[in-house]
C-alpha atoms as a PDB file:
ATOM      1  CA  MET A   1       6.734  -0.997   4.253  1.00  0.00           C
ATOM      2  CA  VAL A   2       5.374  -0.280   0.781  1.00  0.00           C
ATOM      3  CA  GLN A   3       8.029   0.601  -1.797  1.00  0.00           C
ATOM      4  CA  PHE A   4       7.538   1.825  -5.342  1.00  0.00           C
ATOM      5  CA  ASN A   5       9.923   3.352  -7.855  1.00  0.00           C
ATOM      6  CA  ASN A   6      10.405   6.839  -9.316  1.00  0.00           C
ATOM      7  CA  TRP A   7       7.536   8.573  -7.529  1.00  0.00           C
ATOM      8  CA  GLY A   8       9.704  10.932  -5.473  1.00  0.00           C
ATOM      9  CA  GLY A   9       7.892  13.126  -2.958  1.00  0.00           C
ATOM     10  CA  ASN A  10       4.486  13.078  -4.663  1.00  0.00           C
ATOM     11  CA  LYS A  11       1.198  12.815  -2.820  1.00  0.00           C
ATOM     12  CA  ALA A  12      -0.248   9.328  -3.067  1.00  0.00           C
ATOM     13  CA  ASP A  13      -3.285   7.287  -2.085  1.00  0.00           C
ATOM     14  CA  ILE A  14      -2.410   3.808  -0.849  1.00  0.00           C
ATOM     15  CA  PHE A  15      -4.994   1.052  -0.486  1.00  0.00           C
ATOM     16  CA  MET A  16      -4.706  -2.482   0.883  1.00  0.00           C
ATOM     17  CA  TYR A  17      -7.267  -5.142  -0.092  1.00  0.00           C
ATOM     18  CA  ASN A  18      -7.777  -8.675   1.209  1.00  0.00           C
ATOM     19  CA  SER A  19      -8.237 -11.708  -1.051  1.00  0.00           C
ATOM     20  CA  LEU A  20     -11.997 -11.007  -1.215  1.00  0.00           C
ATOM     21  CA  GLY A  21     -11.382  -7.510  -2.591  1.00  0.00           C
ATOM     22  CA  GLN A  22     -12.388  -5.778   0.638  1.00  0.00           C
ATOM     23  CA  ARG A  23     -10.393  -2.692   1.605  1.00  0.00           C
ATOM     24  CA  VAL A  24      -8.673  -3.335   4.939  1.00  0.00           C
ATOM     25  CA  GLU A  25      -6.382  -0.281   5.141  1.00  0.00           C
ATOM     26  CA  SER A  26      -5.983   3.016   3.327  1.00  0.00           C
ATOM     27  CA  LEU A  27      -3.876   6.141   3.424  1.00  0.00           C
ATOM     28  CA  THR A  28      -4.966   9.112   1.329  1.00  0.00           C
ATOM     29  CA  GLY A  29      -3.014  12.207   0.360  1.00  0.00           C
ATOM     30  CA  VAL A  30       0.195  11.007   1.976  1.00  0.00           C
ATOM     31  CA  SER A  31       3.571  12.446   1.097  1.00  0.00           C
ATOM     32  CA  THR A  32       5.965   9.737   0.077  1.00  0.00           C
ATOM     33  CA  VAL A  33       9.653   9.963   0.842  1.00  0.00           C
ATOM     34  CA  LYS A  34      11.891   8.396  -1.797  1.00  0.00           C
ATOM     35  CA  GLY A  35       9.048   6.148  -2.893  1.00  0.00           C
ATOM     36  CA  ARG A  36       8.442   4.586   0.536  1.00  0.00           C
ATOM     37  CA  GLN A  37       5.506   4.588   2.900  1.00  0.00           C
ATOM     38  CA  GLU A  38       4.608   2.499   5.936  1.00  0.00           C
ATOM     39  CA  LEU A  39       1.201   0.875   6.349  1.00  0.00           C
ATOM     40  CA  ASN A  40      -0.084  -0.063   9.786  1.00  0.00           C
ATOM     41  CA  VAL A  41      -0.908  -3.761   9.611  1.00  0.00           C
ATOM     42  CA  ALA A  42      -1.542  -4.303  13.325  1.00  0.00           C
ATOM     43  CA  GLY A  43      -4.606  -6.480  13.759  1.00  0.00           C
ATOM     44  CA  ILE A  44      -4.625  -7.641  10.129  1.00  0.00           C
ATOM     45  CA  LYS A  45      -4.634 -11.429   9.837  1.00  0.00           C
ATOM     46  CA  PRO A  46      -1.859 -13.292   8.014  1.00  0.00           C
ATOM     47  CA  GLY A  47      -2.569 -13.975   4.355  1.00  0.00           C
ATOM     48  CA  TYR A  48      -2.307 -12.590   0.833  1.00  0.00           C
ATOM     49  CA  TYR A  49      -3.174  -8.953   0.174  1.00  0.00           C
ATOM     50  CA  PHE A  50      -3.130  -6.564  -2.766  1.00  0.00           C
ATOM     51  CA  ILE A  51      -1.537  -3.116  -2.381  1.00  0.00           C
ATOM     52  CA  GLN A  52      -2.580  -0.346  -4.804  1.00  0.00           C
ATOM     53  CA  VAL A  53      -0.773   3.005  -5.003  1.00  0.00           C
ATOM     54  CA  VAL A  54      -2.327   5.904  -6.945  1.00  0.00           C
ATOM     55  CA  SER A  55      -0.395   9.121  -7.617  1.00  0.00           C
ATOM     56  CA  ASN A  56      -0.321  11.664 -10.468  1.00  0.00           C
ATOM     57  CA  ASN A  57      -2.533   9.518 -12.724  1.00  0.00           C
ATOM     58  CA  LYS A  58      -0.226   6.532 -12.193  1.00  0.00           C
ATOM     59  CA  VAL A  59      -1.413   3.294 -10.594  1.00  0.00           C
ATOM     60  CA  GLU A  60       0.848   0.557  -9.316  1.00  0.00           C
ATOM     61  CA  GLY A  61      -0.181  -2.615  -7.564  1.00  0.00           C
ATOM     62  CA  ARG A  62       1.397  -5.675  -6.116  1.00  0.00           C
ATOM     63  CA  LYS A  63       0.427  -8.786  -4.225  1.00  0.00           C
ATOM     64  CA  ILE A  64       2.041  -9.312  -0.825  1.00  0.00           C
ATOM     65  CA  TYR A  65       1.959 -11.981   1.841  1.00  0.00           C
ATOM     66  CA  LEU A  66       1.736 -11.040   5.510  1.00  0.00           C
ATOM     67  CA  GLY A  67       3.009 -13.823   7.726  1.00  0.00           C
ATOM     68  CA  THR A  68       3.185 -14.223  11.467  1.00  0.00           C
ATOM     69  CA  ASN A  69       6.200 -13.076  13.454  1.00  0.00           C
END
């Protein structure tokens, strides 16, 4: 689950990059509900990733770690 603050129900583009800077997942033009959106990470290997959210000329990013269950 990707969470970001004060973006309401805006349309957003969400990108996920691996540690080499390669895009591994993306959602474009999604409606966000209360600043939350789910990314499908099935098949993505454990490790560190960078999430970038772009909406209404605002960009937010954060580093995350995906571990094994």
